[in-house]
C-alpha atoms as a PDB file:
ATOM      1  CA  UNK A   1    -163.739   9.999 111.040  1.00  0.00           C
ATOM      2  CA  UNK A   2    -162.242  11.612 114.102  1.00  0.00           C
ATOM      3  CA  UNK A   3    -158.697  12.859 113.713  1.00  0.00           C
ATOM      4  CA  UNK A   4    -155.958  11.057 115.600  1.00  0.00           C
ATOM      5  CA  UNK A   5    -157.733   7.681 115.804  1.00  0.00           C
ATOM      6  CA  UNK A   6    -156.262   4.759 113.967  1.00  0.00           C
ATOM      7  CA  UNK A   7    -158.258   2.492 111.686  1.00  0.00           C
ATOM      8  CA  UNK A   8    -156.447  -0.227 109.776  1.00  0.00           C
ATOM      9  CA  UNK A   9    -155.612   0.622 106.192  1.00  0.00           C
ATOM     10  CA  UNK A  10    -156.515  -1.795 103.438  1.00  0.00           C
ATOM     11  CA  UNK A  11    -153.269  -3.779 102.971  1.00  0.00           C
ATOM     12  CA  UNK A  12    -151.777  -4.050  99.488  1.00  0.00           C
ATOM     13  CA  UNK A  13    -151.018  -7.678 100.295  1.00  0.00           C
ATOM     14  CA  UNK A  14    -154.760  -8.368 100.247  1.00  0.00           C
ATOM     15  CA  UNK A  15    -154.695  -7.882  96.480  1.00  0.00           C
ATOM     16  CA  UNK A  16    -152.809 -11.192  96.176  1.00  0.00           C
ATOM     17  CA  UNK A  17    -155.539 -13.051  98.041  1.00  0.00           C
ATOM     18  CA  UNK A  18    -158.846 -14.304  96.705  1.00  0.00           C
ATOM     19  CA  UNK A  19    -161.023 -11.190  96.344  1.00  0.00           C
ATOM     20  CA  UNK A  20    -163.983 -13.275  97.569  1.00  0.00           C
ATOM     21  CA  UNK A  21    -163.863 -13.759 101.340  1.00  0.00           C
ATOM     22  CA  UNK A  22    -167.066 -15.795 101.802  1.00  0.00           C
ATOM     23  CA  UNK A  23    -168.990 -18.140  99.499  1.00  0.00           C
ATOM     24  CA  UNK A  24    -172.350 -19.813 100.058  1.00  0.00           C
ATOM     25  CA  UNK A  25    -173.715 -22.489  97.720  1.00  0.00           C
ATOM     26  CA  UNK A  26    -177.151 -24.140  98.060  1.00  0.00           C
ATOM     27  CA  UNK A  27    -177.185 -22.980 101.683  1.00  0.00           C
ATOM     28  CA  UNK A  28    -180.241 -24.203 103.553  1.00  0.00           C
ATOM     29  CA  UNK A  29    -181.644 -24.660 107.038  1.00  0.00           C
ATOM     30  CA  UNK A  30    -184.584 -26.879 108.015  1.00  0.00           C
ATOM     31  CA  UNK A  31    -186.002 -27.036 111.513  1.00  0.00           C
ATOM     32  CA  UNK A  32    -188.309 -29.629 113.022  1.00  0.00           C
ATOM     33  CA  UNK A  33    -191.570 -28.335 114.456  1.00  0.00           C
ATOM     34  CA  UNK A  34    -193.021 -29.529 117.755  1.00  0.00           C
ATOM     35  CA  UNK A  35    -195.310 -31.827 115.801  1.00  0.00           C
ATOM     36  CA  UNK A  36    -192.302 -33.347 114.064  1.00  0.00           C
ATOM     37  CA  UNK A  37    -192.917 -31.693 110.712  1.00  0.00           C
ATOM     38  CA  UNK A  38    -189.980 -30.152 108.803  1.00  0.00           C
ATOM     39  CA  UNK A  39    -189.978 -26.356 108.540  1.00  0.00           C
ATOM     40  CA  UNK A  40    -187.744 -24.936 105.802  1.00  0.00           C
ATOM     41  CA  UNK A  41    -186.371 -21.555 106.929  1.00  0.00           C
ATOM     42  CA  UNK A  42    -183.711 -20.976 104.248  1.00  0.00           C
ATOM     43  CA  UNK A  43    -183.319 -22.798 100.956  1.00  0.00           C
ATOM     44  CA  UNK A  44    -180.878 -22.820  98.009  1.00  0.00           C
ATOM     45  CA  UNK A  45    -179.084 -19.586  98.942  1.00  0.00           C
ATOM     46  CA  UNK A  46    -176.063 -18.731  96.777  1.00  0.00           C
ATOM     47  CA  UNK A  47    -173.861 -15.658  97.142  1.00  0.00           C
ATOM     48  CA  UNK A  48    -170.307 -14.381  97.257  1.00  0.00           C
ATOM     49  CA  UNK A  49    -169.016 -11.584  99.479  1.00  0.00           C
ATOM     50  CA  UNK A  50    -166.004  -9.611  98.303  1.00  0.00           C
ATOM     51  CA  UNK A  51    -163.366  -8.325 100.695  1.00  0.00           C
ATOM     52  CA  UNK A  52    -164.175  -4.846 101.900  1.00  0.00           C
ATOM     53  CA  UNK A  53    -167.732  -4.954 100.545  1.00  0.00           C
ATOM     54  CA  UNK A  54    -170.794  -3.602 102.340  1.00  0.00           C
ATOM     55  CA  UNK A  55    -173.901  -5.717 101.742  1.00  0.00           C
ATOM     56  CA  UNK A  56    -177.442  -5.083 102.979  1.00  0.00           C
ATOM     57  CA  UNK A  57    -179.829  -8.029 103.284  1.00  0.00           C
ATOM     58  CA  UNK A  58    -183.531  -7.154 103.091  1.00  0.00           C
ATOM     59  CA  UNK A  59    -186.759  -9.103 102.953  1.00  0.00           C
ATOM     60  CA  UNK A  60    -190.131  -9.511 104.657  1.00  0.00           C
ATOM     61  CA  UNK A  61    -190.337 -10.587 108.289  1.00  0.00           C
ATOM     62  CA  UNK A  62    -189.835 -14.317 108.716  1.00  0.00           C
ATOM     63  CA  UNK A  63    -188.027 -14.792 105.401  1.00  0.00           C
ATOM     64  CA  UNK A  64    -184.866 -16.182 106.986  1.00  0.00           C
ATOM     65  CA  UNK A  65    -182.583 -13.128 107.111  1.00  0.00           C
ATOM     66  CA  UNK A  66    -181.489 -13.687 110.712  1.00  0.00           C
ATOM     67  CA  UNK A  67    -181.235 -17.439 110.102  1.00  0.00           C
ATOM     68  CA  UNK A  68    -178.877 -16.747 107.203  1.00  0.00           C
ATOM     69  CA  UNK A  69    -176.776 -14.471 109.393  1.00  0.00           C
ATOM     70  CA  UNK A  70    -176.645 -17.088 112.159  1.00  0.00           C
ATOM     71  CA  UNK A  71    -175.543 -19.721 109.633  1.00  0.00           C
ATOM     72  CA  UNK A  72    -172.702 -17.482 108.442  1.00  0.00           C
ATOM     73  CA  UNK A  73    -171.724 -16.727 112.035  1.00  0.00           C
ATOM     74  CA  UNK A  74    -171.579 -20.431 112.846  1.00  0.00           C
ATOM     75  CA  UNK A  75    -174.213 -20.084 115.576  1.00  0.00           C
ATOM     76  CA  UNK A  76    -176.410 -22.741 113.971  1.00  0.00           C
ATOM     77  CA  UNK A  77    -175.530 -25.629 111.660  1.00  0.00           C
ATOM     78  CA  UNK A  78    -176.665 -25.702 108.064  1.00  0.00           C
ATOM     79  CA  UNK A  79    -178.879 -28.515 106.799  1.00  0.00           C
ATOM     80  CA  UNK A  80    -177.746 -28.339 103.185  1.00  0.00           C
ATOM     81  CA  UNK A  81    -175.096 -26.714 101.033  1.00  0.00           C
ATOM     82  CA  UNK A  82    -171.691 -25.256 101.769  1.00  0.00           C
ATOM     83  CA  UNK A  83    -170.372 -22.118 103.418  1.00  0.00           C
ATOM     84  CA  UNK A  84    -166.709 -21.360 102.828  1.00  0.00           C
ATOM     85  CA  UNK A  85    -164.704 -18.620 104.537  1.00  0.00           C
ATOM     86  CA  UNK A  86    -161.238 -18.011 103.102  1.00  0.00           C
ATOM     87  CA  UNK A  87    -161.071 -21.544 101.718  1.00  0.00           C
ATOM     88  CA  UNK A  88    -162.372 -23.480 104.720  1.00  0.00           C
ATOM     89  CA  UNK A  89    -165.869 -24.609 105.684  1.00  0.00           C
ATOM     90  CA  UNK A  90    -167.662 -22.703 108.427  1.00  0.00           C
ATOM     91  CA  UNK A  91    -168.536 -25.324 111.049  1.00  0.00           C
ATOM     92  CA  UNK A  92    -168.945 -23.084 114.097  1.00  0.00           C
ATOM     93  CA  UNK A  93    -168.170 -19.617 115.453  1.00  0.00           C
ATOM     94  CA  UNK A  94    -164.903 -18.096 114.230  1.00  0.00           C
ATOM     95  CA  UNK A  95    -162.901 -15.167 115.540  1.00  0.00           C
ATOM     96  CA  UNK A  96    -162.695 -13.804 111.983  1.00  0.00           C
ATOM     97  CA  UNK A  97    -166.494 -13.470 111.815  1.00  0.00           C
ATOM     98  CA  UNK A  98    -168.094 -11.169 114.405  1.00  0.00           C
ATOM     99  CA  UNK A  99    -171.747 -10.464 115.123  1.00  0.00           C
ATOM    100  CA  UNK A 100    -173.742  -7.560 116.515  1.00  0.00           C
ATOM    101  CA  UNK A 101    -177.424  -7.853 117.383  1.00  0.00           C
ATOM    102  CA  UNK A 102    -180.394  -5.545 117.838  1.00  0.00           C
ATOM    103  CA  UNK A 103    -179.972  -5.806 121.615  1.00  0.00           C
ATOM    104  CA  UNK A 104    -176.574  -4.540 122.798  1.00  0.00           C
ATOM    105  CA  UNK A 105    -176.105  -7.501 125.208  1.00  0.00           C
ATOM    106  CA  UNK A 106    -174.163  -5.621 127.874  1.00  0.00           C
ATOM    107  CA  UNK A 107    -173.528  -6.917 131.390  1.00  0.00           C
ATOM    108  CA  UNK A 108    -175.146  -4.419 133.799  1.00  0.00           C
ATOM    109  CA  UNK A 109    -172.441  -4.881 136.461  1.00  0.00           C
ATOM    110  CA  UNK A 110    -169.640  -3.972 134.054  1.00  0.00           C
ATOM    111  CA  UNK A 111    -168.722  -0.452 132.975  1.00  0.00           C
ATOM    112  CA  UNK A 112    -168.708   0.544 129.320  1.00  0.00           C
ATOM    113  CA  UNK A 113    -164.964  -0.066 129.129  1.00  0.00           C
ATOM    114  CA  UNK A 114    -165.269  -3.415 130.905  1.00  0.00           C
ATOM    115  CA  UNK A 115    -168.023  -4.470 128.493  1.00  0.00           C
ATOM    116  CA  UNK A 116    -165.811  -3.586 125.526  1.00  0.00           C
ATOM    117  CA  UNK A 117    -163.012  -5.672 127.067  1.00  0.00           C
ATOM    118  CA  UNK A 118    -165.284  -8.684 127.627  1.00  0.00           C
ATOM    119  CA  UNK A 119    -164.002 -10.741 124.640  1.00  0.00           C
ATOM    120  CA  UNK A 120    -160.456 -10.427 125.959  1.00  0.00           C
ATOM    121  CA  UNK A 121    -161.579 -11.574 129.413  1.00  0.00           C
ATOM    122  CA  UNK A 122    -163.265 -14.586 127.819  1.00  0.00           C
ATOM    123  CA  UNK A 123    -160.047 -15.436 125.993  1.00  0.00           C
ATOM    124  CA  UNK A 124    -158.057 -15.112 129.192  1.00  0.00           C
ATOM    125  CA  UNK A 125    -155.970 -12.219 127.865  1.00  0.00           C
ATOM    126  CA  UNK A 126    -154.752  -9.444 130.145  1.00  0.00           C
ATOM    127  CA  UNK A 127    -156.982  -6.383 130.161  1.00  0.00           C
ATOM    128  CA  UNK A 128    -153.985  -4.095 130.460  1.00  0.00           C
ATOM    129  CA  UNK A 129    -152.801  -5.205 127.027  1.00  0.00           C
ATOM    130  CA  UNK A 130    -156.025  -3.991 125.379  1.00  0.00           C
ATOM    131  CA  UNK A 131    -157.242  -1.215 127.688  1.00  0.00           C
ATOM    132  CA  UNK A 132    -155.811   1.703 125.689  1.00  0.00           C
ATOM    133  CA  UNK A 133    -157.216   0.417 122.398  1.00  0.00           C
ATOM    134  CA  UNK A 134    -160.619  -0.238 124.009  1.00  0.00           C
ATOM    135  CA  UNK A 135    -160.682   3.329 125.371  1.00  0.00           C
ATOM    136  CA  UNK A 136    -159.723   4.644 121.928  1.00  0.00           C
ATOM    137  CA  UNK A 137    -162.560   2.685 120.322  1.00  0.00           C
ATOM    138  CA  UNK A 138    -165.044   4.151 122.783  1.00  0.00           C
ATOM    139  CA  UNK A 139    -163.814   7.559 121.679  1.00  0.00           C
ATOM    140  CA  UNK A 140    -164.105   6.499 118.045  1.00  0.00           C
ATOM    141  CA  UNK A 141    -167.799   5.651 118.473  1.00  0.00           C
ATOM    142  CA  UNK A 142    -168.511   8.917 120.278  1.00  0.00           C
ATOM    143  CA  UNK A 143    -168.292   7.811 123.906  1.00  0.00           C
ATOM    144  CA  UNK A 144    -165.266   9.739 125.098  1.00  0.00           C
ATOM    145  CA  UNK A 145    -165.724  10.279 128.828  1.00  0.00           C
ATOM    146  CA  UNK A 146    -168.207   7.407 129.251  1.00  0.00           C
ATOM    147  CA  UNK A 147    -165.755   4.561 129.889  1.00  0.00           C
ATOM    148  CA  UNK A 148    -166.656   4.299 133.592  1.00  0.00           C
ATOM    149  CA  UNK A 149    -170.425   4.549 133.174  1.00  0.00           C
ATOM    150  CA  UNK A 150    -172.679   1.513 133.604  1.00  0.00           C
ATOM    151  CA  UNK A 151    -175.292   0.444 131.018  1.00  0.00           C
ATOM    152  CA  UNK A 152    -178.136   1.836 133.159  1.00  0.00           C
ATOM    153  CA  UNK A 153    -176.468   5.252 132.839  1.00  0.00           C
ATOM    154  CA  UNK A 154    -176.392   5.086 129.037  1.00  0.00           C
ATOM    155  CA  UNK A 155    -179.119   5.674 126.466  1.00  0.00           C
ATOM    156  CA  UNK A 156    -180.055   2.951 123.991  1.00  0.00           C
ATOM    157  CA  UNK A 157    -177.906   4.544 121.303  1.00  0.00           C
ATOM    158  CA  UNK A 158    -174.957   4.816 123.654  1.00  0.00           C
ATOM    159  CA  UNK A 159    -175.315   1.158 124.622  1.00  0.00           C
ATOM    160  CA  UNK A 160    -175.202   0.171 120.953  1.00  0.00           C
ATOM    161  CA  UNK A 161    -172.051   2.259 120.557  1.00  0.00           C
ATOM    162  CA  UNK A 162    -170.487   0.204 123.356  1.00  0.00           C
ATOM    163  CA  UNK A 163    -171.495  -2.989 121.539  1.00  0.00           C
ATOM    164  CA  UNK A 164    -169.971  -1.651 118.306  1.00  0.00           C
ATOM    165  CA  UNK A 165    -166.727  -0.763 120.095  1.00  0.00           C
ATOM    166  CA  UNK A 166    -166.616  -4.301 121.520  1.00  0.00           C
ATOM    167  CA  UNK A 167    -166.992  -5.764 118.033  1.00  0.00           C
ATOM    168  CA  UNK A 168    -164.234  -3.480 116.740  1.00  0.00           C
ATOM    169  CA  UNK A 169    -161.921  -4.607 119.532  1.00  0.00           C
ATOM    170  CA  UNK A 170    -162.367  -8.211 118.411  1.00  0.00           C
ATOM    171  CA  UNK A 171    -161.251  -7.016 114.948  1.00  0.00           C
ATOM    172  CA  UNK A 172    -163.016  -9.660 112.799  1.00  0.00           C
ATOM    173  CA  UNK A 173    -162.661  -9.763 109.029  1.00  0.00           C
ATOM    174  CA  UNK A 174    -166.442  -9.969 108.533  1.00  0.00           C
ATOM    175  CA  UNK A 175    -169.034  -7.964 110.487  1.00  0.00           C
ATOM    176  CA  UNK A 176    -172.498  -9.543 110.673  1.00  0.00           C
ATOM    177  CA  UNK A 177    -174.991  -6.920 111.838  1.00  0.00           C
ATOM    178  CA  UNK A 178    -178.543  -8.046 112.655  1.00  0.00           C
ATOM    179  CA  UNK A 179    -180.621  -4.841 112.766  1.00  0.00           C
ATOM    180  CA  UNK A 180    -178.229  -3.337 115.320  1.00  0.00           C
ATOM    181  CA  UNK A 181    -179.866   0.098 115.228  1.00  0.00           C
ATOM    182  CA  UNK A 182    -183.451  -1.014 114.630  1.00  0.00           C
ATOM    183  CA  UNK A 183    -184.691  -0.104 118.119  1.00  0.00           C
ATOM    184  CA  UNK A 184    -183.242   3.414 118.061  1.00  0.00           C
ATOM    185  CA  UNK A 185    -185.041   6.637 117.204  1.00  0.00           C
ATOM    186  CA  UNK A 186    -184.591   7.912 113.659  1.00  0.00           C
ATOM    187  CA  UNK A 187    -182.050  10.628 114.446  1.00  0.00           C
ATOM    188  CA  UNK A 188    -179.862   8.346 116.585  1.00  0.00           C
ATOM    189  CA  UNK A 189    -180.108   5.633 113.959  1.00  0.00           C
ATOM    190  CA  UNK A 190    -178.922   8.001 111.227  1.00  0.00           C
ATOM    191  CA  UNK A 191    -176.031   9.128 113.425  1.00  0.00           C
ATOM    192  CA  UNK A 192    -175.035   5.510 114.063  1.00  0.00           C
ATOM    193  CA  UNK A 193    -175.213   4.716 110.347  1.00  0.00           C
ATOM    194  CA  UNK A 194    -172.834   7.576 109.602  1.00  0.00           C
ATOM    195  CA  UNK A 195    -170.488   6.395 112.371  1.00  0.00           C
ATOM    196  CA  UNK A 196    -170.582   2.897 110.898  1.00  0.00           C
ATOM    197  CA  UNK A 197    -169.763   4.155 107.406  1.00  0.00           C
ATOM    198  CA  UNK A 198    -166.868   6.258 108.697  1.00  0.00           C
ATOM    199  CA  UNK A 199    -165.434   3.311 110.617  1.00  0.00           C
ATOM    200  CA  UNK A 200    -165.909   0.869 107.738  1.00  0.00           C
ATOM    201  CA  UNK A 201    -164.521   3.183 105.065  1.00  0.00           C
ATOM    202  CA  UNK A 202    -160.940   2.270 104.310  1.00  0.00           C
ATOM    203  CA  UNK A 203    -160.826  -0.489 106.944  1.00  0.00           C
ATOM    204  CA  UNK A 204    -160.896  -3.427 104.547  1.00  0.00           C
ATOM    205  CA  UNK A 205    -163.643  -5.100 106.591  1.00  0.00           C
ATOM    206  CA  UNK A 206    -166.577  -6.880 104.979  1.00  0.00           C
ATOM    207  CA  UNK A 207    -170.034  -6.018 106.327  1.00  0.00           C
ATOM    208  CA  UNK A 208    -173.321  -7.898 105.958  1.00  0.00           C
ATOM    209  CA  UNK A 209    -176.199  -5.920 107.465  1.00  0.00           C
ATOM    210  CA  UNK A 210    -179.739  -7.222 107.970  1.00  0.00           C
ATOM    211  CA  UNK A 211    -182.298  -4.426 107.901  1.00  0.00           C
ATOM    212  CA  UNK A 212    -185.997  -3.852 107.269  1.00  0.00           C
ATOM    213  CA  UNK A 213    -185.322  -0.240 106.302  1.00  0.00           C
ATOM    214  CA  UNK A 214    -185.000   0.045 102.509  1.00  0.00           C
ATOM    215  CA  UNK A 215    -183.554   3.574 102.573  1.00  0.00           C
ATOM    216  CA  UNK A 216    -180.945   2.455 105.086  1.00  0.00           C
ATOM    217  CA  UNK A 217    -180.040  -0.537 102.910  1.00  0.00           C
ATOM    218  CA  UNK A 218    -179.483   1.635  99.832  1.00  0.00           C
ATOM    219  CA  UNK A 219    -177.694   4.400 101.728  1.00  0.00           C
ATOM    220  CA  UNK A 220    -175.128   2.097 103.329  1.00  0.00           C
ATOM    221  CA  UNK A 221    -174.425  -0.682 100.878  1.00  0.00           C
ATOM    222  CA  UNK A 222    -172.552  -1.568  97.716  1.00  0.00           C
ATOM    223  CA  UNK A 223    -175.156  -4.233  96.923  1.00  0.00           C
ATOM    224  CA  UNK A 224    -178.583  -5.108  98.267  1.00  0.00           C
ATOM    225  CA  UNK A 225    -179.508  -8.792  98.632  1.00  0.00           C
ATOM    226  CA  UNK A 226    -183.274  -9.345  98.471  1.00  0.00           C
ATOM    227  CA  UNK A 227    -184.822 -12.447 100.032  1.00  0.00           C
ATOM    228  CA  UNK A 228    -188.235 -13.906  99.257  1.00  0.00           C
ATOM    229  CA  UNK A 229    -190.894 -14.842 101.832  1.00  0.00           C
ATOM    230  CA  UNK A 230    -190.244 -18.140 103.589  1.00  0.00           C
ATOM    231  CA  UNK A 231    -188.725 -20.445 102.770  1.00  0.00           C
ATOM    232  CA  UNK A 232    -186.103 -17.753 102.294  1.00  0.00           C
ATOM    233  CA  UNK A 233    -184.344 -17.654  98.962  1.00  0.00           C
ATOM    234  CA  UNK A 234    -182.039 -14.986  97.590  1.00  0.00           C
ATOM    235  CA  UNK A 235    -184.157 -13.772  94.685  1.00  0.00           C
ATOM    236  CA  UNK A 236    -182.247 -10.725  93.435  1.00  0.00           C
ATOM    237  CA  UNK A 237    -179.037  -8.774  93.930  1.00  0.00           C
ATOM    238  CA  UNK A 238    -179.132  -5.044  93.182  1.00  0.00           C
ATOM    239  CA  UNK A 239    -175.989  -2.982  92.650  1.00  0.00           C
ATOM    240  CA  UNK A 240    -175.927   0.388  94.434  1.00  0.00           C
ATOM    241  CA  UNK A 241    -174.018   2.609  92.030  1.00  0.00           C
ATOM    242  CA  UNK A 242    -173.830   5.695  94.228  1.00  0.00           C
ATOM    243  CA  UNK A 243    -170.650   7.647  94.989  1.00  0.00           C
ATOM    244  CA  UNK A 244    -168.911   7.576  98.348  1.00  0.00           C
ATOM    245  CA  UNK A 245    -168.549   9.097 100.863  1.00  0.00           C
ATOM    246  CA  UNK A 246    -172.288   9.243 101.483  1.00  0.00           C
ATOM    247  CA  UNK A 247    -174.125  11.765 103.600  1.00  0.00           C
ATOM    248  CA  UNK A 248    -177.794  12.310 104.415  1.00  0.00           C
ATOM    249  CA  UNK A 249    -178.498  14.930 101.654  1.00  0.00           C
ATOM    250  CA  UNK A 250    -177.860  12.171  99.082  1.00  0.00           C
ATOM    251  CA  UNK A 251    -181.271  10.753  99.997  1.00  0.00           C
ATOM    252  CA  UNK A 252    -182.903  13.668  98.145  1.00  0.00           C
ATOM    253  CA  UNK A 253    -181.215  12.776  94.856  1.00  0.00           C
ATOM    254  CA  UNK A 254    -183.141  11.098  92.061  1.00  0.00           C
ATOM    255  CA  UNK A 255    -180.614   8.259  91.695  1.00  0.00           C
ATOM    256  CA  UNK A 256    -181.044   7.338  95.336  1.00  0.00           C
ATOM    257  CA  UNK A 257    -184.836   7.431  95.146  1.00  0.00           C
ATOM    258  CA  UNK A 258    -184.828   5.307  91.983  1.00  0.00           C
ATOM    259  CA  UNK A 259    -182.816   2.610  93.764  1.00  0.00           C
ATOM    260  CA  UNK A 260    -185.132   2.704  96.780  1.00  0.00           C
ATOM    261  CA  UNK A 261    -188.153   2.185  94.545  1.00  0.00           C
ATOM    262  CA  UNK A 262    -186.378  -0.611  92.646  1.00  0.00           C
ATOM    263  CA  UNK A 263    -185.828  -2.483  95.921  1.00  0.00           C
ATOM    264  CA  UNK A 264    -189.476  -1.855  96.816  1.00  0.00           C
ATOM    265  CA  UNK A 265    -190.521  -3.245  93.413  1.00  0.00           C
ATOM    266  CA  UNK A 266    -188.517  -6.421  93.930  1.00  0.00           C
ATOM    267  CA  UNK A 267    -190.036  -6.825  97.390  1.00  0.00           C
ATOM    268  CA  UNK A 268    -193.531  -6.243  95.996  1.00  0.00           C
ATOM    269  CA  UNK A 269    -193.929  -3.230  98.263  1.00  0.00           C
ATOM    270  CA  UNK A 270    -195.216  -0.721  95.695  1.00  0.00           C
END
C-alpha cells in the first residue's frame, strides 16, 4: 500500500458485534420465461459471510453467480429464502453494500474525479466536502495525475481503477465484485488484483468476488464458494489456508497448486 494514504483500520469495537455480517438461508430466484414457464436461476443457497472476509464465488457460466450477487446487492428480489445483513432483511439496495461490475460504467462527459464523485452528486452532497478524499483514492488506485482526464483518455484498466475509487468513496461494508477485471489483459488484471488486496488488507471490509478464473479465486480469497450448473446451488466451500500477504510468486508453490486443482475437481474441470 502506498505510504501516506489512509485506509480505515479494523476497529476493536467490531469485536463486540456479530462476527457474521451477512447470512443467506434457502436463497432462491425464479424467473418467468416468455412462454410463461418458470426458470429457476438460484435455488436453496445457504452461506454466511464473516466481517473482513474475502470470498471468491466460482462456477460454470449460467450457474447463477451474478444472480446471487444481484440478490445480495438488492438489485433484484428473491423468490424464496432470507437474506439478512447485520440483523435486517435485504429488501433493496443499501449504502452498506456496494457493487462493481465488469464494465466500469463511467459517464464519458465527466472527468475521472467527477466520476468518482458521482455517488455524492446523486445524494445531493457538496462535492467540495469529498473532493480531497476522492483525489486521494485516485492516487491510491494508481491514478495520480489523471483526475482531469476523461474516460476516452484512459485505458480499460485505468477506467476500472476509477470505478474502484468510486466504490471506495462510497465506503460500503460489503464489496460485491462481479468479474470487475475480467475484460483486462493478464498483466493489468494481476496488477489490479494486487491493488485490491492491498486496499482490502486491514480495512475491515468484506468482499465477495465473482470470477471464472480459478487461480484468481484461490490467490485472493479466504474461502472459495463453488456453485453447481443451473439451477445454481452452493455445492462446496473450500478453505484457502495460505499465508498473507500474497504475491504472484506464491502461485508456483505446491500448496497453491493443490488448492487450484481441488477447485477444478469440485467443478469437474479435470
